[in-house]
Protein backbone atom coordinates (compact mmCIF):
# COMPACT_ATOMS: atom_id res chain seq x y z
CA LEU A 1 15.77 15.20 -4.52
CA LEU A 2 13.35 12.87 -2.82
CA THR A 3 9.85 14.25 -2.38
CA THR A 4 7.16 13.16 0.04
CA LYS A 5 3.85 14.50 1.32
CA VAL A 6 3.59 15.66 4.94
CA LYS A 7 0.18 16.91 6.09
CA GLY A 8 -0.81 17.57 2.48
CA LYS A 9 2.30 19.53 1.60
CA THR A 10 5.19 18.31 -0.52
CA GLN A 11 8.57 18.25 1.15
CA ALA A 12 11.84 17.68 -0.67
CA ILE A 13 14.85 15.96 0.82
CA TYR A 14 18.30 16.28 -0.71
CA VAL A 15 19.83 12.91 -1.54
CA PRO A 16 23.64 12.86 -1.62
CA VAL A 17 25.06 11.71 -4.96
CA ASN A 18 26.64 8.62 -3.41
CA MET A 19 23.21 7.47 -2.13
CA VAL A 20 21.11 8.05 -5.26
CA GLU A 21 21.06 4.41 -6.42
CA GLU A 22 20.32 3.12 -2.93
CA VAL A 23 17.45 5.58 -2.49
CA ARG A 24 16.08 4.61 -5.93
CA GLN A 25 16.02 0.99 -4.79
CA TRP A 26 14.20 2.01 -1.60
CA CYS A 27 11.57 3.82 -3.68
CA HIS A 28 11.05 0.79 -5.93
CA GLN A 29 10.80 -1.50 -2.91
CA TYR A 30 8.30 0.87 -1.30
CA SER A 31 6.14 0.70 -4.43
CA ASP A 32 6.35 -3.10 -4.43
CA VAL A 33 5.35 -3.26 -0.76
CA LYS A 34 2.39 -0.94 -1.37
CA ALA A 35 1.21 -3.21 -4.20
CA VAL A 36 1.44 -6.30 -1.96
CA ILE A 37 -0.44 -4.52 0.83
CA LYS A 38 -3.19 -3.59 -1.65
CA GLU A 39 -3.46 -7.24 -2.74
CA VAL A 40 -3.78 -8.38 0.89
CA SER A 41 -6.36 -5.69 1.58
CA ASP A 42 -8.37 -6.70 -1.50
CA CYS A 43 -8.29 -10.35 -0.37
CA CYS A 44 -9.49 -9.38 3.10
CA GLU A 45 -12.34 -7.36 1.60
CA GLN A 46 -13.35 -10.33 -0.52
CA LEU A 47 -13.30 -12.63 2.53
CA ILE A 48 -15.58 -10.23 4.40
CA ARG A 49 -17.99 -10.06 1.46
CA VAL A 50 -18.13 -13.86 1.16
CA HIS A 51 -18.63 -14.27 4.91
CA THR A 52 -21.40 -11.67 4.99
CA LYS A 53 -23.13 -13.20 1.98
CA GLU A 54 -22.97 -16.71 3.49
CA LYS A 55 -24.27 -15.47 6.82
CA ARG A 56 -27.18 -13.74 5.10
CA ILE A 57 -28.02 -16.88 3.12
CA ASN A 58 -27.81 -19.11 6.22
CA SER A 59 -30.06 -16.80 8.23
CA ARG A 60 -32.82 -17.21 5.63
CA ILE A 61 -32.83 -21.00 5.97
């Protein structure tokens, strides 16, 4: 079974036996993609913080 959340509720989807390995790979890839997206998001946040800090410093001069 493959489970996912939809509107706060868990839904289960039956995975045919012949697709189990493929679906496992999809799940691992999904996790990898989420990790990369988090890294990009963290980098963007850092860029915003640096920009804001620089702007604040430059406005005082």
